Amino acid sequence: MAKTQLGARVDEDVAELAKKRAADLGLSVGDYLARLVQDDTSGLRARAVDAAARFLGEHQAVFDEAEDDSRQQKPARGARAA
């Protein structure tokens, strides 16, 4: 395994593939790796937002009920003071 500037160990063939792919895209290896990380984090963010939307959709009735209950309760005495 080759040691890179970042201190990470990478198999020679993996490093060579990364260099070739970066060259195909007209990027430096560093820029290519940065793009991979951005793509990965964008995908993670999209999956997280999608999961949150599904969760809210599946449990919307619970949230609506809690909101209705809080509206129906009288405010505590002095709650509007000040």
C-alpha atoms as a PDB file:
ATOM      1  CA  MET A   1       0.000   0.000   0.000  1.00  0.00           C
ATOM      2  CA  ALA A   2       1.200   3.455  -0.870  1.00  0.00           C
ATOM      3  CA  LYS A   3       1.220   6.216   1.719  1.00  0.00           C
ATOM      4  CA  THR A   4      -0.284   9.514   0.603  1.00  0.00           C
ATOM      5  CA  GLN A   5       0.269  13.065   1.779  1.00  0.00           C
ATOM      6  CA  LEU A   6      -2.758  12.782   4.015  1.00  0.00           C
ATOM      7  CA  GLY A   7      -1.296   9.799   5.784  1.00  0.00           C
ATOM      8  CA  ALA A   8      -3.907   7.391   4.458  1.00  0.00           C
ATOM      9  CA  ARG A   9      -2.798   4.072   3.054  1.00  0.00           C
ATOM     10  CA  VAL A  10      -4.250   3.171  -0.323  1.00  0.00           C
ATOM     11  CA  ASP A  11      -3.655   0.122  -2.490  1.00  0.00           C
ATOM     12  CA  GLU A  12      -1.538   0.932  -5.536  1.00  0.00           C
ATOM     13  CA  ASP A  13      -4.232  -0.219  -7.955  1.00  0.00           C
ATOM     14  CA  VAL A  14      -6.879   1.935  -6.230  1.00  0.00           C
ATOM     15  CA  ALA A  15      -4.582   4.962  -6.343  1.00  0.00           C
ATOM     16  CA  GLU A  16      -3.924   4.310 -10.034  1.00  0.00           C
ATOM     17  CA  LEU A  17      -7.647   4.072 -10.787  1.00  0.00           C
ATOM     18  CA  ALA A  18      -8.242   7.353  -8.960  1.00  0.00           C
ATOM     19  CA  LYS A  19      -5.487   9.042 -10.962  1.00  0.00           C
ATOM     20  CA  LYS A  20      -6.916   7.753 -14.249  1.00  0.00           C
ATOM     21  CA  ARG A  21     -10.477   8.769 -13.373  1.00  0.00           C
ATOM     22  CA  ALA A  22      -9.297  12.223 -12.277  1.00  0.00           C
ATOM     23  CA  ALA A  23      -7.400  12.625 -15.537  1.00  0.00           C
ATOM     24  CA  ASP A  24     -10.482  11.530 -17.527  1.00  0.00           C
ATOM     25  CA  LEU A  25     -12.443  14.294 -15.815  1.00  0.00           C
ATOM     26  CA  GLY A  26      -9.682  16.858 -16.186  1.00  0.00           C
ATOM     27  CA  LEU A  27      -9.241  17.126 -12.431  1.00  0.00           C
ATOM     28  CA  SER A  28      -6.373  16.750 -10.021  1.00  0.00           C
ATOM     29  CA  VAL A  29      -6.585  13.725  -7.755  1.00  0.00           C
ATOM     30  CA  GLY A  30      -7.360  16.035  -4.832  1.00  0.00           C
ATOM     31  CA  ASP A  31     -10.207  17.725  -6.708  1.00  0.00           C
ATOM     32  CA  TYR A  32     -11.526  14.348  -7.805  1.00  0.00           C
ATOM     33  CA  LEU A  33     -11.532  13.076  -4.223  1.00  0.00           C
ATOM     34  CA  ALA A  34     -13.207  16.294  -3.058  1.00  0.00           C
ATOM     35  CA  ARG A  35     -15.933  15.730  -5.656  1.00  0.00           C
ATOM     36  CA  LEU A  36     -16.432  12.161  -4.439  1.00  0.00           C
ATOM     37  CA  VAL A  37     -16.828  13.392  -0.859  1.00  0.00           C
ATOM     38  CA  GLN A  38     -19.275  16.114  -1.922  1.00  0.00           C
ATOM     39  CA  ASP A  39     -21.312  13.628  -3.933  1.00  0.00           C
ATOM     40  CA  ASP A  40     -21.359  11.259  -0.985  1.00  0.00           C
ATOM     41  CA  THR A  41     -22.431  13.925   1.513  1.00  0.00           C
ATOM     42  CA  SER A  42     -25.064  15.220  -0.893  1.00  0.00           C
ATOM     43  CA  GLY A  43     -26.449  11.701  -1.155  1.00  0.00           C
ATOM     44  CA  LEU A  44     -26.419  11.284   2.612  1.00  0.00           C
ATOM     45  CA  ARG A  45     -28.212  14.604   3.065  1.00  0.00           C
ATOM     46  CA  ALA A  46     -30.845  13.676   0.472  1.00  0.00           C
ATOM     47  CA  ARG A  47     -31.460  10.311   2.149  1.00  0.00           C
ATOM     48  CA  ALA A  48     -31.698  11.959   5.587  1.00  0.00           C
ATOM     49  CA  VAL A  49     -34.194  14.564   4.370  1.00  0.00           C
ATOM     50  CA  ASP A  50     -36.209  11.834   2.651  1.00  0.00           C
ATOM     51  CA  ALA A  51     -36.228   9.720   5.825  1.00  0.00           C
ATOM     52  CA  ALA A  52     -37.324  12.714   7.910  1.00  0.00           C
ATOM     53  CA  ALA A  53     -40.142  13.469   5.457  1.00  0.00           C
ATOM     54  CA  ARG A  54     -41.317   9.844   5.594  1.00  0.00           C
ATOM     55  CA  PHE A  55     -41.190   9.878   9.397  1.00  0.00           C
ATOM     56  CA  LEU A  56     -43.204  13.094   9.592  1.00  0.00           C
ATOM     57  CA  GLY A  57     -45.679  11.814   7.038  1.00  0.00           C
ATOM     58  CA  GLU A  58     -46.218   8.552   8.901  1.00  0.00           C
ATOM     59  CA  HIS A  59     -46.617  10.277  12.271  1.00  0.00           C
ATOM     60  CA  GLN A  60     -48.375  13.495  11.249  1.00  0.00           C
ATOM     61  CA  ALA A  61     -51.526  12.545  13.170  1.00  0.00           C
ATOM     62  CA  VAL A  62     -49.552  12.353  16.422  1.00  0.00           C
ATOM     63  CA  PHE A  63     -48.081  15.812  15.846  1.00  0.00           C
ATOM     64  CA  ASP A  64     -51.478  17.250  14.907  1.00  0.00           C
ATOM     65  CA  GLU A  65     -53.056  15.774  18.030  1.00  0.00           C
ATOM     66  CA  ALA A  66     -50.341  17.173  20.281  1.00  0.00           C
ATOM     67  CA  GLU A  67     -50.717  20.592  18.663  1.00  0.00           C
ATOM     68  CA  ASP A  68     -54.492  20.529  19.101  1.00  0.00           C
ATOM     69  CA  ASP A  69     -54.125  19.518  22.751  1.00  0.00           C
ATOM     70  CA  SER A  70     -51.711  22.360  23.454  1.00  0.00           C
ATOM     71  CA  ARG A  71     -54.100  24.878  21.853  1.00  0.00           C
ATOM     72  CA  GLN A  72     -57.014  23.660  23.954  1.00  0.00           C
ATOM     73  CA  GLN A  73     -55.206  23.970  27.266  1.00  0.00           C
ATOM     74  CA  LYS A  74     -55.639  27.198  29.186  1.00  0.00           C
ATOM     75  CA  PRO A  75     -52.452  29.193  29.641  1.00  0.00           C
ATOM     76  CA  ALA A  76     -51.073  29.121  33.170  1.00  0.00           C
ATOM     77  CA  ARG A  77     -52.094  32.027  35.384  1.00  0.00           C
ATOM     78  CA  GLY A  78     -49.779  34.945  34.752  1.00  0.00           C
ATOM     79  CA  ALA A  79     -48.420  33.380  31.585  1.00  0.00           C
ATOM     80  CA  ARG A  80     -49.209  36.521  29.627  1.00  0.00           C
ATOM     81  CA  ALA A  81     -47.806  38.900  32.201  1.00  0.00           C
ATOM     82  CA  ALA A  82     -44.896  41.129  31.262  1.00  0.00           C
END
